[in-house]
Amino acid sequence: MKKLLGIVVLGLFLITPSQADDIRD
């Protein structure tokens, strides 16, 4: 189940690169 959550989160990052940059920073 945790793996599924990780995949969903990564997918959201790919869909919203701007948010991913914010989180990385």
C-alpha atoms as a PDB file:
ATOM      1  CA  MET A   1       0.000   0.000   0.000  1.00  0.00           C
ATOM      2  CA  LYS A   2       2.798   2.414   0.853  1.00  0.00           C
ATOM      3  CA  LYS A   3       4.324   1.714  -2.563  1.00  0.00           C
ATOM      4  CA  LEU A   4       1.051   2.752  -4.209  1.00  0.00           C
ATOM      5  CA  LEU A   5       1.097   6.026  -2.267  1.00  0.00           C
ATOM      6  CA  GLY A   6       4.676   6.644  -3.400  1.00  0.00           C
ATOM      7  CA  ILE A   7       3.731   6.030  -7.024  1.00  0.00           C
ATOM      8  CA  VAL A   8       0.775   8.417  -6.739  1.00  0.00           C
ATOM      9  CA  VAL A   9       2.954  11.108  -5.170  1.00  0.00           C
ATOM     10  CA  LEU A  10       5.626  10.691  -7.855  1.00  0.00           C
ATOM     11  CA  GLY A  11       2.903  10.859 -10.501  1.00  0.00           C
ATOM     12  CA  LEU A  12       1.599  14.120  -9.052  1.00  0.00           C
ATOM     13  CA  PHE A  13       5.149  15.520  -9.101  1.00  0.00           C
ATOM     14  CA  LEU A  14       5.450  14.600 -12.788  1.00  0.00           C
ATOM     15  CA  ILE A  15       2.098  16.263 -13.511  1.00  0.00           C
ATOM     16  CA  THR A  16       3.023  19.387 -11.510  1.00  0.00           C
ATOM     17  CA  PRO A  17       6.793  19.971 -11.879  1.00  0.00           C
ATOM     18  CA  SER A  18       6.399  23.409 -10.293  1.00  0.00           C
ATOM     19  CA  GLN A  19       5.196  21.823  -7.030  1.00  0.00           C
ATOM     20  CA  ALA A  20       7.977  19.226  -7.183  1.00  0.00           C
ATOM     21  CA  ASP A  21      10.547  22.023  -7.421  1.00  0.00           C
ATOM     22  CA  ASP A  22       8.939  23.711  -4.425  1.00  0.00           C
ATOM     23  CA  ILE A  23       9.153  20.532  -2.351  1.00  0.00           C
ATOM     24  CA  ARG A  24      12.751  19.836  -3.458  1.00  0.00           C
ATOM     25  CA  ASP A  25      13.754  23.335  -2.409  1.00  0.00           C
END
